[in-house]
Amino acid sequence: MGTAERRKEIMRCLCRRKYETVSNLAFEFGVSERTILRDIDELSVSEPIYTQTGRYGGGVYVMDGYEYGHMYMSNQELSLLHKVLSYSEKKEICALSSDEIKTLTLMIAKYTKQNYRKEQQ
């Protein structure tokens, strides 16, 4: 198992378990604790994980509510969707600003598969 694959598996484990010790992860993946600590340092740059020291409760945690591989919307994207929904519920015409149209276009590109975008062109 390569480094990238191991790190993905570490994230999957943490998302399922919500918490794990460094020694258990090292044993499970057949690497040293130092290797796991390097992996955790690297993952913590882009993933919502953190470590806690201590004999009881010490280990690696994933933030509550996080799902690995799940795409999250920004506040701007959510606000736009709420606006469109609000107008839709009132059965009113919804006029979007140029910034909102740009955001919506980026959302379509971000949250759809590559093949879908090609079919639409």
PDB file of N, CA and C in Angstrom:
ATOM      1  N   MET A   1       0.850  -1.175   0.000  1.00  0.00           N
ATOM      2  CA  MET A   1       0.000   0.000   0.000  1.00  0.00           C
ATOM      3  C   MET A   1       0.894   1.237   0.000  1.00  0.00           C
ATOM      4  N   GLY A   2       0.627   2.148  -0.912  1.00  0.00           N
ATOM      5  CA  GLY A   2       1.402   3.377  -1.006  1.00  0.00           C
ATOM      6  C   GLY A   2       0.935   4.418  -0.004  1.00  0.00           C
ATOM      7  N   THR A   3       1.697   5.489   0.062  1.00  0.00           N
ATOM      8  CA  THR A   3       1.406   6.558   1.016  1.00  0.00           C
ATOM      9  C   THR A   3       0.029   7.176   0.790  1.00  0.00           C
ATOM     10  N   ALA A   4      -0.286   7.524  -0.448  1.00  0.00           N
ATOM     11  CA  ALA A   4      -1.572   8.164  -0.745  1.00  0.00           C
ATOM     12  C   ALA A   4      -2.735   7.243  -0.410  1.00  0.00           C
ATOM     13  N   GLU A   5      -2.605   5.979  -0.755  1.00  0.00           N
ATOM     14  CA  GLU A   5      -3.667   5.022  -0.469  1.00  0.00           C
ATOM     15  C   GLU A   5      -3.829   4.823   1.042  1.00  0.00           C
ATOM     16  N   ARG A   6      -2.722   4.747   1.768  1.00  0.00           N
ATOM     17  CA  ARG A   6      -2.774   4.596   3.214  1.00  0.00           C
ATOM     18  C   ARG A   6      -3.469   5.802   3.853  1.00  0.00           C
ATOM     19  N   ARG A   7      -3.168   6.984   3.381  1.00  0.00           N
ATOM     20  CA  ARG A   7      -3.782   8.192   3.945  1.00  0.00           C
ATOM     21  C   ARG A   7      -5.287   8.217   3.690  1.00  0.00           C
ATOM     22  N   LYS A   8      -5.704   7.765   2.508  1.00  0.00           N
ATOM     23  CA  LYS A   8      -7.145   7.675   2.238  1.00  0.00           C
ATOM     24  C   LYS A   8      -7.807   6.687   3.185  1.00  0.00           C
ATOM     25  N   GLU A   9      -7.149   5.561   3.404  1.00  0.00           N
ATOM     26  CA  GLU A   9      -7.695   4.550   4.315  1.00  0.00           C
ATOM     27  C   GLU A   9      -7.728   5.052   5.757  1.00  0.00           C
ATOM     28  N   ILE A  10      -6.716   5.813   6.154  1.00  0.00           N
ATOM     29  CA  ILE A  10      -6.722   6.408   7.495  1.00  0.00           C
ATOM     30  C   ILE A  10      -7.946   7.309   7.651  1.00  0.00           C
ATOM     31  N   MET A  11      -8.220   8.133   6.645  1.00  0.00           N
ATOM     32  CA  MET A  11      -9.383   9.020   6.716  1.00  0.00           C
ATOM     33  C   MET A  11     -10.674   8.225   6.764  1.00  0.00           C
ATOM     34  N   ARG A  12     -10.773   7.164   5.979  1.00  0.00           N
ATOM     35  CA  ARG A  12     -11.982   6.340   6.011  1.00  0.00           C
ATOM     36  C   ARG A  12     -12.176   5.737   7.409  1.00  0.00           C
ATOM     37  N   CYS A  13     -11.094   5.230   7.994  1.00  0.00           N
ATOM     38  CA  CYS A  13     -11.170   4.665   9.352  1.00  0.00           C
ATOM     39  C   CYS A  13     -11.612   5.714  10.361  1.00  0.00           C
ATOM     40  N   LEU A  14     -11.006   6.882  10.286  1.00  0.00           N
ATOM     41  CA  LEU A  14     -11.344   7.937  11.244  1.00  0.00           C
ATOM     42  C   LEU A  14     -12.795   8.384  11.084  1.00  0.00           C
ATOM     43  N   CYS A  15     -13.290   8.438   9.872  1.00  0.00           N
ATOM     44  CA  CYS A  15     -14.681   8.848   9.658  1.00  0.00           C
ATOM     45  C   CYS A  15     -15.658   7.800  10.195  1.00  0.00           C
ATOM     46  N   ARG A  16     -15.295   6.543  10.098  1.00  0.00           N
ATOM     47  CA  ARG A  16     -16.157   5.484  10.632  1.00  0.00           C
ATOM     48  C   ARG A  16     -16.101   5.450  12.157  1.00  0.00           C
ATOM     49  N   ARG A  17     -14.895   5.567  12.697  1.00  0.00           N
ATOM     50  CA  ARG A  17     -14.693   5.392  14.137  1.00  0.00           C
ATOM     51  C   ARG A  17     -14.762   6.697  14.927  1.00  0.00           C
ATOM     52  N   LYS A  18     -14.524   7.812  14.269  1.00  0.00           N
ATOM     53  CA  LYS A  18     -14.490   9.163  14.877  1.00  0.00           C
ATOM     54  C   LYS A  18     -13.248   9.410  15.733  1.00  0.00           C
ATOM     55  N   TYR A  19     -12.538   8.345  16.122  1.00  0.00           N
ATOM     56  CA  TYR A  19     -11.369   8.478  16.974  1.00  0.00           C
ATOM     57  C   TYR A  19     -10.545   7.199  16.877  1.00  0.00           C
ATOM     58  N   GLU A  20      -9.227   7.360  16.922  1.00  0.00           N
ATOM     59  CA  GLU A  20      -8.346   6.190  16.965  1.00  0.00           C
ATOM     60  C   GLU A  20      -7.005   6.613  17.536  1.00  0.00           C
ATOM     61  N   THR A  21      -6.303   5.663  18.163  1.00  0.00           N
ATOM     62  CA  THR A  21      -4.979   5.975  18.688  1.00  0.00           C
ATOM     63  C   THR A  21      -3.939   5.801  17.579  1.00  0.00           C
ATOM     64  N   VAL A  22      -2.846   6.503  17.731  1.00  0.00           N
ATOM     65  CA  VAL A  22      -1.754   6.410  16.759  1.00  0.00           C
ATOM     66  C   VAL A  22      -1.199   4.993  16.745  1.00  0.00           C
ATOM     67  N   SER A  23      -1.047   4.389  17.908  1.00  0.00           N
ATOM     68  CA  SER A  23      -0.487   3.031  17.964  1.00  0.00           C
ATOM     69  C   SER A  23      -1.402   2.019  17.272  1.00  0.00           C
ATOM     70  N   ASN A  24      -2.717   2.148  17.429  1.00  0.00           N
ATOM     71  CA  ASN A  24      -3.638   1.245  16.735  1.00  0.00           C
ATOM     72  C   ASN A  24      -3.571   1.424  15.224  1.00  0.00           C
ATOM     73  N   LEU A  25      -3.495   2.678  14.778  1.00  0.00           N
ATOM     74  CA  LEU A  25      -3.377   2.929  13.336  1.00  0.00           C
ATOM     75  C   LEU A  25      -2.071   2.359  12.795  1.00  0.00           C
ATOM     76  N   ALA A  26      -0.987   2.539  13.531  1.00  0.00           N
ATOM     77  CA  ALA A  26       0.312   2.010  13.102  1.00  0.00           C
ATOM     78  C   ALA A  26       0.251   0.489  12.976  1.00  0.00           C
ATOM     79  N   PHE A  27      -0.349  -0.168  13.955  1.00  0.00           N
ATOM     80  CA  PHE A  27      -0.476  -1.625  13.920  1.00  0.00           C
ATOM     81  C   PHE A  27      -1.345  -2.062  12.741  1.00  0.00           C
ATOM     82  N   GLU A  28      -2.482  -1.392  12.573  1.00  0.00           N
ATOM     83  CA  GLU A  28      -3.427  -1.756  11.516  1.00  0.00           C
ATOM     84  C   GLU A  28      -2.822  -1.616  10.121  1.00  0.00           C
ATOM     85  N   PHE A  29      -2.006  -0.584   9.919  1.00  0.00           N
ATOM     86  CA  PHE A  29      -1.443  -0.338   8.596  1.00  0.00           C
ATOM     87  C   PHE A  29      -0.027  -0.887   8.442  1.00  0.00           C
ATOM     88  N   GLY A  30       0.505  -1.482   9.489  1.00  0.00           N
ATOM     89  CA  GLY A  30       1.817  -2.117   9.401  1.00  0.00           C
ATOM     90  C   GLY A  30       2.961  -1.145   9.184  1.00  0.00           C
ATOM     91  N   VAL A  31       2.850   0.025   9.798  1.00  0.00           N
ATOM     92  CA  VAL A  31       3.902   1.040   9.698  1.00  0.00           C
ATOM     93  C   VAL A  31       4.237   1.526  11.100  1.00  0.00           C
ATOM     94  N   SER A  32       5.247   2.358  11.208  1.00  0.00           N
ATOM     95  CA  SER A  32       5.647   2.882  12.518  1.00  0.00           C
ATOM     96  C   SER A  32       4.694   3.995  12.968  1.00  0.00           C
ATOM     97  N   GLU A  33       4.722   4.258  14.262  1.00  0.00           N
ATOM     98  CA  GLU A  33       3.922   5.360  14.797  1.00  0.00           C
ATOM     99  C   GLU A  33       4.380   6.683  14.202  1.00  0.00           C
ATOM    100  N   ARG A  34       5.672   6.821  13.965  1.00  0.00           N
ATOM    101  CA  ARG A  34       6.203   8.052  13.357  1.00  0.00           C
ATOM    102  C   ARG A  34       5.620   8.257  11.963  1.00  0.00           C
ATOM    103  N   THR A  35       5.469   7.177  11.194  1.00  0.00           N
ATOM    104  CA  THR A  35       4.872   7.270   9.848  1.00  0.00           C
ATOM    105  C   THR A  35       3.423   7.743   9.956  1.00  0.00           C
ATOM    106  N   ILE A  36       2.689   7.186  10.912  1.00  0.00           N
ATOM    107  CA  ILE A  36       1.292   7.611  11.106  1.00  0.00           C
ATOM    108  C   ILE A  36       1.248   9.083  11.500  1.00  0.00           C
ATOM    109  N   LEU A  37       2.150   9.523  12.372  1.00  0.00           N
ATOM    110  CA  LEU A  37       2.178  10.935  12.767  1.00  0.00           C
ATOM    111  C   LEU A  37       2.467  11.847  11.578  1.00  0.00           C
ATOM    112  N   ARG A  38       3.362  11.417  10.688  1.00  0.00           N
ATOM    113  CA  ARG A  38       3.619  12.196   9.465  1.00  0.00           C
ATOM    114  C   ARG A  38       2.369  12.238   8.588  1.00  0.00           C
ATOM    115  N   ASP A  39       1.699  11.088   8.472  1.00  0.00           N
ATOM    116  CA  ASP A  39       0.455  11.047   7.692  1.00  0.00           C
ATOM    117  C   ASP A  39      -0.589  11.985   8.283  1.00  0.00           C
ATOM    118  N   ILE A  40      -0.733  11.961   9.594  1.00  0.00           N
ATOM    119  CA  ILE A  40      -1.713  12.825  10.268  1.00  0.00           C
ATOM    120  C   ILE A  40      -1.354  14.296  10.075  1.00  0.00           C
ATOM    121  N   ASP A  41      -0.079  14.628  10.181  1.00  0.00           N
ATOM    122  CA  ASP A  41       0.352  16.017   9.943  1.00  0.00           C
ATOM    123  C   ASP A  41      -0.018  16.456   8.536  1.00  0.00           C
ATOM    124  N   GLU A  42       0.229  15.608   7.568  1.00  0.00           N
ATOM    125  CA  GLU A  42      -0.081  15.933   6.171  1.00  0.00           C
ATOM    126  C   GLU A  42      -1.593  16.021   5.953  1.00  0.00           C
ATOM    127  N   LEU A  43      -2.339  15.083   6.491  1.00  0.00           N
ATOM    128  CA  LEU A  43      -3.794  15.082   6.324  1.00  0.00           C
ATOM    129  C   LEU A  43      -4.454  16.280   6.999  1.00  0.00           C
ATOM    130  N   SER A  44      -3.908  16.709   8.125  1.00  0.00           N
ATOM    131  CA  SER A  44      -4.535  17.800   8.872  1.00  0.00           C
ATOM    132  C   SER A  44      -4.483  19.130   8.129  1.00  0.00           C
ATOM    133  N   VAL A  45      -3.672  19.215   7.103  1.00  0.00           N
ATOM    134  CA  VAL A  45      -3.620  20.433   6.285  1.00  0.00           C
ATOM    135  C   VAL A  45      -4.896  20.585   5.464  1.00  0.00           C
ATOM    136  N   SER A  46      -5.446  19.459   4.996  1.00  0.00           N
ATOM    137  CA  SER A  46      -6.604  19.523   4.108  1.00  0.00           C
ATOM    138  C   SER A  46      -7.859  18.863   4.660  1.00  0.00           C
ATOM    139  N   GLU A  47      -7.743  18.114   5.751  1.00  0.00           N
ATOM    140  CA  GLU A  47      -8.888  17.409   6.314  1.00  0.00           C
ATOM    141  C   GLU A  47      -9.140  17.900   7.743  1.00  0.00           C
ATOM    142  N   PRO A  48     -10.403  17.873   8.191  1.00  0.00           N
ATOM    143  CA  PRO A  48     -10.722  18.362   9.538  1.00  0.00           C
ATOM    144  C   PRO A  48     -10.435  17.311  10.620  1.00  0.00           C
ATOM    145  N   ILE A  49      -9.161  17.020  10.812  1.00  0.00           N
ATOM    146  CA  ILE A  49      -8.753  16.081  11.849  1.00  0.00           C
ATOM    147  C   ILE A  49      -7.817  16.797  12.812  1.00  0.00           C
ATOM    148  N   TYR A  50      -7.735  16.279  14.013  1.00  0.00           N
ATOM    149  CA  TYR A  50      -6.848  16.872  15.012  1.00  0.00           C
ATOM    150  C   TYR A  50      -6.383  15.790  15.973  1.00  0.00           C
ATOM    151  N   THR A  51      -5.296  16.078  16.655  1.00  0.00           N
ATOM    152  CA  THR A  51      -4.780  15.142  17.646  1.00  0.00           C
ATOM    153  C   THR A  51      -4.979  15.719  19.034  1.00  0.00           C
ATOM    154  N   GLN A  52      -5.098  14.814  19.978  1.00  0.00           N
ATOM    155  CA  GLN A  52      -5.223  15.202  21.374  1.00  0.00           C
ATOM    156  C   GLN A  52      -4.243  14.336  22.154  1.00  0.00           C
ATOM    157  N   THR A  53      -3.458  14.965  22.992  1.00  0.00           N
ATOM    158  CA  THR A  53      -2.489  14.209  23.780  1.00  0.00           C
ATOM    159  C   THR A  53      -3.106  13.772  25.097  1.00  0.00           C
ATOM    160  N   GLY A  54      -2.508  12.760  25.666  1.00  0.00           N
ATOM    161  CA  GLY A  54      -2.960  12.306  26.969  1.00  0.00           C
ATOM    162  C   GLY A  54      -3.095  10.803  27.025  1.00  0.00           C
ATOM    163  N   ARG A  55      -2.941  10.286  28.199  1.00  0.00           N
ATOM    164  CA  ARG A  55      -3.024   8.845  28.394  1.00  0.00           C
ATOM    165  C   ARG A  55      -4.448   8.343  28.161  1.00  0.00           C
ATOM    166  N   TYR A  56      -5.414   9.106  28.615  1.00  0.00           N
ATOM    167  CA  TYR A  56      -6.817   8.737  28.443  1.00  0.00           C
ATOM    168  C   TYR A  56      -7.468   9.747  27.495  1.00  0.00           C
ATOM    169  N   GLY A  57      -7.946   9.270  26.383  1.00  0.00           N
ATOM    170  CA  GLY A  57      -8.585  10.150  25.410  1.00  0.00           C
ATOM    171  C   GLY A  57      -7.630  10.737  24.386  1.00  0.00           C
ATOM    172  N   GLY A  58      -6.362  10.385  24.484  1.00  0.00           N
ATOM    173  CA  GLY A  58      -5.399  10.874  23.504  1.00  0.00           C
ATOM    174  C   GLY A  58      -5.514  10.083  22.210  1.00  0.00           C
ATOM    175  N   GLY A  59      -5.284  10.741  21.095  1.00  0.00           N
ATOM    176  CA  GLY A  59      -5.352  10.059  19.805  1.00  0.00           C
ATOM    177  C   GLY A  59      -5.678  11.019  18.685  1.00  0.00           C
ATOM    178  N   VAL A  60      -6.198  10.471  17.613  1.00  0.00           N
ATOM    179  CA  VAL A  60      -6.539  11.239  16.418  1.00  0.00           C
ATOM    180  C   VAL A  60      -8.054  11.263  16.300  1.00  0.00           C
ATOM    181  N   TYR A  61      -8.605  12.452  16.093  1.00  0.00           N
ATOM    182  CA  TYR A  61     -10.050  12.643  16.004  1.00  0.00           C
ATOM    183  C   TYR A  61     -10.413  13.287  14.671  1.00  0.00           C
ATOM    184  N   VAL A  62     -11.610  12.993  14.216  1.00  0.00           N
ATOM    185  CA  VAL A  62     -12.172  13.689  13.059  1.00  0.00           C
ATOM    186  C   VAL A  62     -13.305  14.565  13.597  1.00  0.00           C
ATOM    187  N   MET A  63     -13.445  15.763  13.047  1.00  0.00           N
ATOM    188  CA  MET A  63     -14.467  16.698  13.514  1.00  0.00           C
ATOM    189  C   MET A  63     -15.865  16.104  13.312  1.00  0.00           C
ATOM    190  N   ASP A  64     -16.749  16.393  14.257  1.00  0.00           N
ATOM    191  CA  ASP A  64     -18.130  15.902  14.180  1.00  0.00           C
ATOM    192  C   ASP A  64     -18.803  16.370  12.899  1.00  0.00           C
ATOM    193  N   GLY A  65     -19.559  15.473  12.287  1.00  0.00           N
ATOM    194  CA  GLY A  65     -20.327  15.812  11.103  1.00  0.00           C
ATOM    195  C   GLY A  65     -19.577  15.694   9.793  1.00  0.00           C
ATOM    196  N   TYR A  66     -18.275  15.447   9.848  1.00  0.00           N
ATOM    197  CA  TYR A  66     -17.501  15.355   8.619  1.00  0.00           C
ATOM    198  C   TYR A  66     -17.649  13.972   8.003  1.00  0.00           C
ATOM    199  N   GLU A  67     -17.848  13.948   6.694  1.00  0.00           N
ATOM    200  CA  GLU A  67     -17.913  12.701   5.946  1.00  0.00           C
ATOM    201  C   GLU A  67     -16.834  12.745   4.876  1.00  0.00           C
ATOM    202  N   TYR A  68     -15.992  11.727   4.851  1.00  0.00           N
ATOM    203  CA  TYR A  68     -14.891  11.688   3.887  1.00  0.00           C
ATOM    204  C   TYR A  68     -15.442  11.587   2.471  1.00  0.00           C
ATOM    205  N   GLY A  69     -14.925  12.421   1.579  1.00  0.00           N
ATOM    206  CA  GLY A  69     -15.336  12.393   0.179  1.00  0.00           C
ATOM    207  C   GLY A  69     -16.602  13.171  -0.107  1.00  0.00           C
ATOM    208  N   HIS A  70     -17.244  13.691   0.919  1.00  0.00           N
ATOM    209  CA  HIS A  70     -18.473  14.462   0.745  1.00  0.00           C
ATOM    210  C   HIS A  70     -18.102  15.881   0.373  1.00  0.00           C
ATOM    211  N   MET A  71     -18.780  16.440  -0.596  1.00  0.00           N
ATOM    212  CA  MET A  71     -18.489  17.813  -1.006  1.00  0.00           C
ATOM    213  C   MET A  71     -19.397  18.768  -0.225  1.00  0.00           C
ATOM    214  N   TYR A  72     -18.814  19.819   0.279  1.00  0.00           N
ATOM    215  CA  TYR A  72     -19.555  20.784   1.074  1.00  0.00           C
ATOM    216  C   TYR A  72     -19.692  22.096   0.313  1.00  0.00           C
ATOM    217  N   MET A  73     -20.824  22.764   0.502  1.00  0.00           N
ATOM    218  CA  MET A  73     -21.073  24.039  -0.172  1.00  0.00           C
ATOM    219  C   MET A  73     -20.601  25.193   0.699  1.00  0.00           C
ATOM    220  N   SER A  74     -20.187  26.252   0.020  1.00  0.00           N
ATOM    221  CA  SER A  74     -19.800  27.465   0.729  1.00  0.00           C
ATOM    222  C   SER A  74     -21.058  28.219   1.162  1.00  0.00           C
ATOM    223  N   ASN A  75     -20.886  29.192   2.032  1.00  0.00           N
ATOM    224  CA  ASN A  75     -22.022  30.017   2.468  1.00  0.00           C
ATOM    225  C   ASN A  75     -22.650  30.754   1.293  1.00  0.00           C
ATOM    226  N   GLN A  76     -21.827  31.197   0.355  1.00  0.00           N
ATOM    227  CA  GLN A  76     -22.321  31.906  -0.824  1.00  0.00           C
ATOM    228  C   GLN A  76     -23.196  30.972  -1.671  1.00  0.00           C
ATOM    229  N   GLU A  77     -22.752  29.738  -1.843  1.00  0.00           N
ATOM    230  CA  GLU A  77     -23.521  28.765  -2.631  1.00  0.00           C
ATOM    231  C   GLU A  77     -24.849  28.443  -1.947  1.00  0.00           C
ATOM    232  N   LEU A  78     -24.803  28.234  -0.633  1.00  0.00           N
ATOM    233  CA  LEU A  78     -26.035  27.944   0.108  1.00  0.00           C
ATOM    234  C   LEU A  78     -27.010  29.106   0.063  1.00  0.00           C
ATOM    235  N   SER A  79     -26.489  30.311   0.198  1.00  0.00           N
ATOM    236  CA  SER A  79     -27.334  31.497   0.149  1.00  0.00           C
ATOM    237  C   SER A  79     -28.055  31.605  -1.196  1.00  0.00           C
ATOM    238  N   LEU A  80     -27.331  31.330  -2.263  1.00  0.00           N
ATOM    239  CA  LEU A  80     -27.928  31.378  -3.604  1.00  0.00           C
ATOM    240  C   LEU A  80     -29.032  30.331  -3.743  1.00  0.00           C
ATOM    241  N   LEU A  81     -28.789  29.132  -3.269  1.00  0.00           N
ATOM    242  CA  LEU A  81     -29.810  28.079  -3.353  1.00  0.00           C
ATOM    243  C   LEU A  81     -31.049  28.440  -2.539  1.00  0.00           C
ATOM    244  N   HIS A  82     -30.847  29.041  -1.368  1.00  0.00           N
ATOM    245  CA  HIS A  82     -31.988  29.466  -0.553  1.00  0.00           C
ATOM    246  C   HIS A  82     -32.791  30.556  -1.260  1.00  0.00           C
ATOM    247  N   LYS A  83     -32.103  31.450  -1.940  1.00  0.00           N
ATOM    248  CA  LYS A  83     -32.788  32.515  -2.679  1.00  0.00           C
ATOM    249  C   LYS A  83     -33.646  31.926  -3.790  1.00  0.00           C
ATOM    250  N   VAL A  84     -33.055  31.017  -4.571  1.00  0.00           N
ATOM    251  CA  VAL A  84     -33.785  30.395  -5.685  1.00  0.00           C
ATOM    252  C   VAL A  84     -34.977  29.599  -5.148  1.00  0.00           C
ATOM    253  N   LEU A  85     -34.781  28.868  -4.061  1.00  0.00           N
ATOM    254  CA  LEU A  85     -35.870  28.099  -3.461  1.00  0.00           C
ATOM    255  C   LEU A  85     -36.992  29.007  -2.980  1.00  0.00           C
ATOM    256  N   SER A  86     -36.626  30.100  -2.340  1.00  0.00           N
ATOM    257  CA  SER A  86     -37.625  31.039  -1.827  1.00  0.00           C
ATOM    258  C   SER A  86     -38.498  31.584  -2.955  1.00  0.00           C
ATOM    259  N   TYR A  87     -37.865  31.998  -4.038  1.00  0.00           N
ATOM    260  CA  TYR A  87     -38.635  32.514  -5.185  1.00  0.00           C
ATOM    261  C   TYR A  87     -39.489  31.416  -5.798  1.00  0.00           C
ATOM    262  N   SER A  88     -38.944  30.218  -5.852  1.00  0.00           N
ATOM    263  CA  SER A  88     -39.672  29.096  -6.434  1.00  0.00           C
ATOM    264  C   SER A  88     -40.923  28.765  -5.622  1.00  0.00           C
ATOM    265  N   GLU A  89     -40.803  28.777  -4.302  1.00  0.00           N
ATOM    266  CA  GLU A  89     -41.951  28.485  -3.439  1.00  0.00           C
ATOM    267  C   GLU A  89     -43.047  29.533  -3.603  1.00  0.00           C
ATOM    268  N   LYS A  90     -42.666  30.780  -3.875  1.00  0.00           N
ATOM    269  CA  LYS A  90     -43.640  31.860  -4.067  1.00  0.00           C
ATOM    270  C   LYS A  90     -44.136  31.911  -5.506  1.00  0.00           C
ATOM    271  N   LYS A  91     -43.540  31.048  -6.363  1.00  0.00           N
ATOM    272  CA  LYS A  91     -43.858  31.010  -7.796  1.00  0.00           C
ATOM    273  C   LYS A  91     -43.618  32.370  -8.455  1.00  0.00           C
ATOM    274  N   GLU A  92     -42.507  33.000  -8.051  1.00  0.00           N
ATOM    275  CA  GLU A  92     -42.107  34.290  -8.597  1.00  0.00           C
ATOM    276  C   GLU A  92     -40.882  34.110  -9.476  1.00  0.00           C
ATOM    277  N   ILE A  93     -40.685  35.056 -10.349  1.00  0.00           N
ATOM    278  CA  ILE A  93     -39.498  35.045 -11.202  1.00  0.00           C
ATOM    279  C   ILE A  93     -38.294  35.460 -10.356  1.00  0.00           C
ATOM    280  N   CYS A  94     -37.221  34.730 -10.523  1.00  0.00           N
ATOM    281  CA  CYS A  94     -36.013  34.991  -9.743  1.00  0.00           C
ATOM    282  C   CYS A  94     -34.948  35.567 -10.671  1.00  0.00           C
ATOM    283  N   ALA A  95     -34.637  36.846 -10.477  1.00  0.00           N
ATOM    284  CA  ALA A  95     -33.587  37.486 -11.256  1.00  0.00           C
ATOM    285  C   ALA A  95     -32.271  37.361 -10.493  1.00  0.00           C
ATOM    286  N   LEU A  96     -31.232  36.894 -11.190  1.00  0.00           N
ATOM    287  CA  LEU A  96     -29.926  36.710 -10.563  1.00  0.00           C
ATOM    288  C   LEU A  96     -28.939  37.755 -11.058  1.00  0.00           C
ATOM    289  N   SER A  97     -28.091  38.210 -10.173  1.00  0.00           N
ATOM    290  CA  SER A  97     -27.038  39.141 -10.557  1.00  0.00           C
ATOM    291  C   SER A  97     -25.967  38.377 -11.337  1.00  0.00           C
ATOM    292  N   SER A  98     -25.064  39.099 -11.956  1.00  0.00           N
ATOM    293  CA  SER A  98     -23.993  38.441 -12.724  1.00  0.00           C
ATOM    294  C   SER A  98     -23.105  37.598 -11.808  1.00  0.00           C
ATOM    295  N   ASP A  99     -22.863  38.057 -10.579  1.00  0.00           N
ATOM    296  CA  ASP A  99     -22.081  37.273  -9.617  1.00  0.00           C
ATOM    297  C   ASP A  99     -22.802  35.986  -9.237  1.00  0.00           C
ATOM    298  N   GLU A 100     -24.125  36.083  -9.069  1.00  0.00           N
ATOM    299  CA  GLU A 100     -24.903  34.895  -8.722  1.00  0.00           C
ATOM    300  C   GLU A 100     -24.928  33.897  -9.877  1.00  0.00           C
ATOM    301  N   ILE A 101     -25.004  34.382 -11.082  1.00  0.00           N
ATOM    302  CA  ILE A 101     -24.967  33.502 -12.253  1.00  0.00           C
ATOM    303  C   ILE A 101     -23.616  32.812 -12.346  1.00  0.00           C
ATOM    304  N   LYS A 102     -22.562  33.564 -12.068  1.00  0.00           N
ATOM    305  CA  LYS A 102     -21.214  32.974 -12.074  1.00  0.00           C
ATOM    306  C   LYS A 102     -21.104  31.896 -11.005  1.00  0.00           C
ATOM    307  N   THR A 103     -21.615  32.178  -9.804  1.00  0.00           N
ATOM    308  CA  THR A 103     -21.590  31.198  -8.716  1.00  0.00           C
ATOM    309  C   THR A 103     -22.370  29.949  -9.091  1.00  0.00           C
ATOM    310  N   LEU A 104     -23.537  30.125  -9.682  1.00  0.00           N
ATOM    311  CA  LEU A 104     -24.354  28.992 -10.096  1.00  0.00           C
ATOM    312  C   LEU A 104     -23.656  28.157 -11.164  1.00  0.00           C
ATOM    313  N   THR A 105     -23.013  28.800 -12.099  1.00  0.00           N
ATOM    314  CA  THR A 105     -22.267  28.097 -13.148  1.00  0.00           C
ATOM    315  C   THR A 105     -21.114  27.296 -12.546  1.00  0.00           C
ATOM    316  N   LEU A 106     -20.409  27.904 -11.602  1.00  0.00           N
ATOM    317  CA  LEU A 106     -19.314  27.197 -10.930  1.00  0.00           C
ATOM    318  C   LEU A 106     -19.826  26.023 -10.106  1.00  0.00           C
ATOM    319  N   MET A 107     -20.998  26.181  -9.487  1.00  0.00           N
ATOM    320  CA  MET A 107     -21.587  25.091  -8.716  1.00  0.00           C
ATOM    321  C   MET A 107     -21.919  23.898  -9.614  1.00  0.00           C
ATOM    322  N   ILE A 108     -22.467  24.170 -10.770  1.00  0.00           N
ATOM    323  CA  ILE A 108     -22.792  23.090 -11.707  1.00  0.00           C
ATOM    324  C   ILE A 108     -21.524  22.346 -12.097  1.00  0.00           C
ATOM    325  N   ALA A 109     -20.468  23.085 -12.370  1.00  0.00           N
ATOM    326  CA  ALA A 109     -19.199  22.452 -12.735  1.00  0.00           C
ATOM    327  C   ALA A 109     -18.608  21.669 -11.559  1.00  0.00           C
ATOM    328  N   LYS A 110     -18.736  22.213 -10.379  1.00  0.00           N
ATOM    329  CA  LYS A 110     -18.125  21.616  -9.192  1.00  0.00           C
ATOM    330  C   LYS A 110     -18.851  20.357  -8.723  1.00  0.00           C
ATOM    331  N   TYR A 111     -20.170  20.347  -8.786  1.00  0.00           N
ATOM    332  CA  TYR A 111     -20.953  19.270  -8.198  1.00  0.00           C
ATOM    333  C   TYR A 111     -21.521  18.271  -9.196  1.00  0.00           C
ATOM    334  N   THR A 112     -21.130  18.352 -10.440  1.00  0.00           N
ATOM    335  CA  THR A 112     -21.596  17.364 -11.416  1.00  0.00           C
ATOM    336  C   THR A 112     -20.417  16.615 -11.994  1.00  0.00           C
ATOM    337  N   LYS A 113     -20.724  15.479 -12.596  1.00  0.00           N
ATOM    338  CA  LYS A 113     -19.678  14.669 -13.198  1.00  0.00           C
ATOM    339  C   LYS A 113     -19.204  15.305 -14.493  1.00  0.00           C
ATOM    340  N   GLN A 114     -17.988  14.987 -14.874  1.00  0.00           N
ATOM    341  CA  GLN A 114     -17.379  15.521 -16.090  1.00  0.00           C
ATOM    342  C   GLN A 114     -18.241  15.220 -17.316  1.00  0.00           C
ATOM    343  N   ASN A 115     -18.760  14.014 -17.446  1.00  0.00           N
ATOM    344  CA  ASN A 115     -19.561  13.625 -18.612  1.00  0.00           C
ATOM    345  C   ASN A 115     -20.815  14.469 -18.747  1.00  0.00           C
ATOM    346  N   TYR A 116     -21.431  14.823 -17.616  1.00  0.00           N
ATOM    347  CA  TYR A 116     -22.643  15.633 -17.639  1.00  0.00           C
ATOM    348  C   TYR A 116     -22.365  16.998 -18.253  1.00  0.00           C
ATOM    349  N   ARG A 117     -21.241  17.608 -17.872  1.00  0.00           N
ATOM    350  CA  ARG A 117     -20.890  18.929 -18.396  1.00  0.00           C
ATOM    351  C   ARG A 117     -20.632  18.866 -19.893  1.00  0.00           C
ATOM    352  N   LYS A 118     -19.988  17.813 -20.359  1.00  0.00           N
ATOM    353  CA  LYS A 118     -19.710  17.692 -21.801  1.00  0.00           C
ATOM    354  C   LYS A 118     -20.982  17.534 -22.601  1.00  0.00           C
ATOM    355  N   GLU A 119     -21.972  16.778 -22.063  1.00  0.00           N
ATOM    356  CA  GLU A 119     -23.239  16.563 -22.753  1.00  0.00           C
ATOM    357  C   GLU A 119     -24.023  17.854 -22.901  1.00  0.00           C
ATOM    358  N   GLN A 120     -23.899  18.753 -21.929  1.00  0.00           N
ATOM    359  CA  GLN A 120     -24.646  19.994 -21.934  1.00  0.00           C
ATOM    360  C   GLN A 120     -24.110  21.012 -22.921  1.00  0.00           C
ATOM    361  N   GLN A 121     -22.869  20.842 -23.365  1.00  0.00           N
ATOM    362  CA  GLN A 121     -22.246  21.833 -24.269  1.00  0.00           C
ATOM    363  C   GLN A 121     -22.625  21.595 -25.697  1.00  0.00           C
TER     364      GLN A 121
END
